[in-house]
Amino acid sequence: MWYTLTNKSKWGISEIQKVVNRDLGIGIQIGMNWKWGSFSVYSENELDIEEEQKKYQNEVEIYCFDDCQIDHLDSGAEDFTFWNVDFTEQIEFDDGAQIIEKYQEEGWNALDDNGFGEELDPEIWIRGGISLEPSTSP
């Protein structure tokens, strides 16, 4: 069964994307905080909406559902950090400011052009409560 999931708290959606350049041994973590958003989530079993909203009143990782699709995200603010390639230690990267500037101008192509082509699975959390409503489709 499909449901529409939205955040209750303003700026309640956190998204983390990671890309790596193995030749340089550097990873970039791009953190996005979204003001509002909606997702289509699927559960093989019918959900008790009140129970799910109570269960996830503090935090939920949206990929905990059987399927999840992003419908809409609004007003994001980005944060960039540089890591070693395994994302175990935060590092300084001399060319980091230039890559970020190019990324903000050109998007993902700038990362590809600079050898950051390997994307790791994104992570998305909703904090501060959710609203969940039945939906007919994603």
Protein backbone atom coordinates (compact mmCIF):
# COMPACT_ATOMS: atom_id res chain seq x y z
CA MET A 1 0.00 0.00 0.00
CA TRP A 2 1.29 3.47 -0.90
CA TYR A 3 1.41 6.42 1.52
CA THR A 4 2.39 10.07 1.29
CA LEU A 5 4.92 11.00 3.97
CA THR A 6 5.71 14.63 4.85
CA ASN A 7 7.73 16.32 7.57
CA LYS A 8 6.00 18.18 10.41
CA SER A 9 8.95 20.34 11.42
CA LYS A 10 10.32 23.16 9.29
CA TRP A 11 13.87 22.24 8.13
CA GLY A 12 13.13 18.67 9.29
CA ILE A 13 14.60 16.80 6.31
CA SER A 14 18.31 15.97 6.23
CA GLU A 15 19.86 14.45 3.13
CA ILE A 16 23.46 13.24 2.88
CA GLN A 17 25.09 12.36 -0.41
CA LYS A 18 28.65 11.14 -0.72
CA VAL A 19 30.96 11.02 -3.75
CA VAL A 20 34.53 9.80 -3.93
CA ASN A 21 37.62 10.29 -6.04
CA ARG A 22 39.68 7.17 -5.39
CA ASP A 23 42.69 8.52 -7.32
CA LEU A 24 42.96 11.48 -4.91
CA GLY A 25 41.80 9.47 -1.89
CA ILE A 26 39.13 12.07 -1.14
CA GLY A 27 35.42 11.89 -0.41
CA ILE A 28 32.97 14.77 -0.41
CA GLN A 29 29.92 14.71 1.82
CA ILE A 30 27.14 16.99 0.65
CA GLY A 31 24.64 17.63 3.39
CA MET A 32 21.30 19.20 2.50
CA ASN A 33 18.76 20.50 4.97
CA TRP A 34 15.35 20.84 3.38
CA LYS A 35 12.61 23.09 4.69
CA TRP A 36 9.71 20.94 3.44
CA GLY A 37 9.22 17.81 1.39
CA SER A 38 7.02 14.89 0.52
CA PHE A 39 7.74 11.27 -0.30
CA SER A 40 5.75 8.35 -1.64
CA VAL A 41 6.47 5.34 0.55
CA TYR A 42 5.30 1.78 0.09
CA SER A 43 4.68 -0.90 2.66
CA GLU A 44 3.81 -4.48 1.77
CA ASN A 45 1.72 -4.56 4.95
CA GLU A 46 -0.99 -2.04 5.74
CA LEU A 47 0.33 0.47 8.27
CA ASP A 48 -1.42 1.76 11.36
CA ILE A 49 -0.96 5.47 10.58
CA GLU A 50 -1.30 6.70 14.17
CA GLU A 51 1.18 4.08 15.39
CA GLU A 52 3.71 4.93 12.65
CA GLN A 53 3.47 8.69 13.34
CA LYS A 54 4.01 8.04 17.05
CA LYS A 55 6.85 5.58 16.36
CA TYR A 56 8.67 8.15 14.19
CA GLN A 57 7.90 11.31 16.15
CA ASN A 58 11.63 11.99 16.67
CA GLU A 59 13.38 10.57 13.59
CA VAL A 60 12.92 8.20 10.67
CA GLU A 61 15.30 7.13 7.90
CA ILE A 62 12.97 7.10 4.89
CA TYR A 63 14.52 4.04 3.30
CA CYS A 64 13.18 1.91 6.19
CA PHE A 65 10.01 1.48 4.10
CA ASP A 66 9.76 -1.24 1.43
CA ASP A 67 9.99 1.40 -1.32
CA CYS A 68 10.48 5.15 -1.25
CA GLN A 69 10.35 7.86 -3.89
CA ILE A 70 11.03 11.56 -3.44
CA ASP A 71 8.05 13.60 -4.63
CA HIS A 72 9.09 17.13 -3.71
CA LEU A 73 11.80 18.91 -1.72
CA ASP A 74 11.74 22.65 -1.07
CA SER A 75 14.30 25.28 -0.01
CA GLY A 76 17.50 23.39 0.63
CA ALA A 77 20.68 24.65 2.28
CA GLU A 78 23.94 22.84 1.46
CA ASP A 79 26.94 22.00 3.60
CA PHE A 80 30.16 20.44 2.23
CA THR A 81 32.78 18.47 4.12
CA PHE A 82 35.85 16.63 2.83
CA TRP A 83 36.84 13.20 4.09
CA ASN A 84 39.32 10.46 3.41
CA VAL A 85 38.02 8.00 0.83
CA ASP A 86 36.55 5.69 3.51
CA PHE A 87 34.71 8.55 5.28
CA THR A 88 36.41 7.74 8.57
CA GLU A 89 38.37 10.98 9.00
CA GLN A 90 37.47 14.54 8.04
CA ILE A 91 40.29 16.27 6.12
CA GLU A 92 41.31 19.58 4.58
CA PHE A 93 41.38 19.72 0.77
CA ASP A 94 43.23 22.63 -0.86
CA ASP A 95 41.14 22.53 -4.06
CA GLY A 96 37.88 22.07 -2.17
CA ALA A 97 36.63 25.65 -2.50
CA GLN A 98 37.09 25.57 -6.28
CA ILE A 99 35.23 22.27 -6.63
CA ILE A 100 32.35 23.53 -4.47
CA GLU A 101 32.12 26.73 -6.51
CA LYS A 102 32.03 24.75 -9.77
CA TYR A 103 29.44 22.37 -8.28
CA GLN A 104 27.20 25.29 -7.31
CA GLU A 105 27.47 26.68 -10.86
CA GLU A 106 27.28 23.44 -12.88
CA GLY A 107 25.80 20.79 -10.58
CA TRP A 108 26.84 17.12 -10.58
CA ASN A 109 28.75 17.47 -13.87
CA ALA A 110 31.41 19.52 -12.05
CA LEU A 111 31.98 16.62 -9.64
CA ASP A 112 32.25 14.14 -12.52
CA ASP A 113 34.67 16.47 -14.34
CA ASN A 114 36.91 16.48 -11.24
CA GLY A 115 36.95 12.70 -10.85
CA PHE A 116 34.24 12.43 -8.18
CA GLY A 117 32.19 9.94 -10.15
CA GLU A 118 31.48 7.19 -7.65
CA GLU A 119 28.33 7.96 -5.71
CA LEU A 120 27.49 6.12 -2.52
CA ASP A 121 23.88 5.47 -1.48
CA PRO A 122 22.19 8.65 -0.23
CA GLU A 123 20.77 8.87 3.26
CA ILE A 124 17.63 10.83 4.09
CA TRP A 125 16.18 11.38 7.55
CA ILE A 126 13.14 13.22 8.75
CA ARG A 127 13.38 14.70 12.23
CA GLY A 128 10.70 16.33 14.33
CA GLY A 129 7.77 14.14 13.34
CA ILE A 130 6.00 12.93 10.24
CA SER A 131 2.55 13.02 8.70
CA LEU A 132 1.47 9.89 6.88
CA GLU A 133 -1.59 9.57 4.65
CA PRO A 134 -2.82 6.78 2.39
CA SER A 135 -2.16 7.35 -1.30
CA THR A 136 -3.35 5.64 -4.47
CA SER A 137 0.06 5.56 -6.18
CA PRO A 138 3.55 7.04 -6.09
